[in-house]
Amino acid sequence: MTTTLTWYGHATLGLETGGYKLLVDPFFSGNPAAAIRAEDAQADFILVSHGHGDHVGDALTIAQRTGALVISNFEIASWLGEQGLTTHGQHLGGGFKHPFGYLKLTLALHGSALPDGSNGGNPAGFLLTTNDGHKLYLAQDTGLFGDMRLIGEEGIDLAVLPIGDNYTMGPADALRAVKLIQPKHVVPIHYNTWDLIAQDAQAWCTQVQAETGAQAHLLKPGESFTL
């Protein structure tokens, strides 16, 4: 069994594992880096890390069209549930065995206000153990925090980390995060969508491979990496 990660631009990810299709933070409409249109996105499950518009994105319309179950923190799950979606709410540190694997919400240092100003609860990352035992850490929007070392103790096969700076970790802190987590593979996200978060991702990947034991994979929007 394989697990394939696709980066669609910004922090929008696709995961295929065990025959299930997951979308993470599906921001396509209004995303200048998006590799596909929202109308073309397919999902059995949608994961939303926090309430900002560039992460909630097109979750509502895609879930309405596909019937996907939306998984997020309790506040966001409730907010989307009030709009007619089928949702599953979790909270930081809490895990649940979904059909695609065991999913735990991790700490993230960020904000989470929803687009209409509603309370978006606490921002989160995702720690996924797939049904065949792969462990993926999707940090999504966060600053550096020391407990990334605890996440790394899980034995991470693939870490997905933001490097854009300004709103999240920049390259230097993201490199420190790799050293704390010690994943086998790492993919950078959340950069170059706008000038404010422009970064040289190739230089970052080169530095990761020079200073850590991780293999860094530079993806263009729409490209995939398979474990």
Foldseek 3Di string as FASTA:
>chain_A
DKWKWAFQAAQWIWIAAPNFIEIFQDAAVPQPQGPDHLVPDEGQEYEAQAADCSRCHCVLVRCVVHVHEYEYAPQVQVVSVVVPHHYDHDDAQDWDQDVFFIKHWHAAAAAHQHPVRDHTPGGTWIWGQGPVGATETERRAHEADLCLLVVLVVAHQEYEEEAQPPRGNHLVRVLVSCVSNVYQEYEYHNADSDPSRHDDVVVSQVVSVVPGNHRYDYDRNRDMDMD
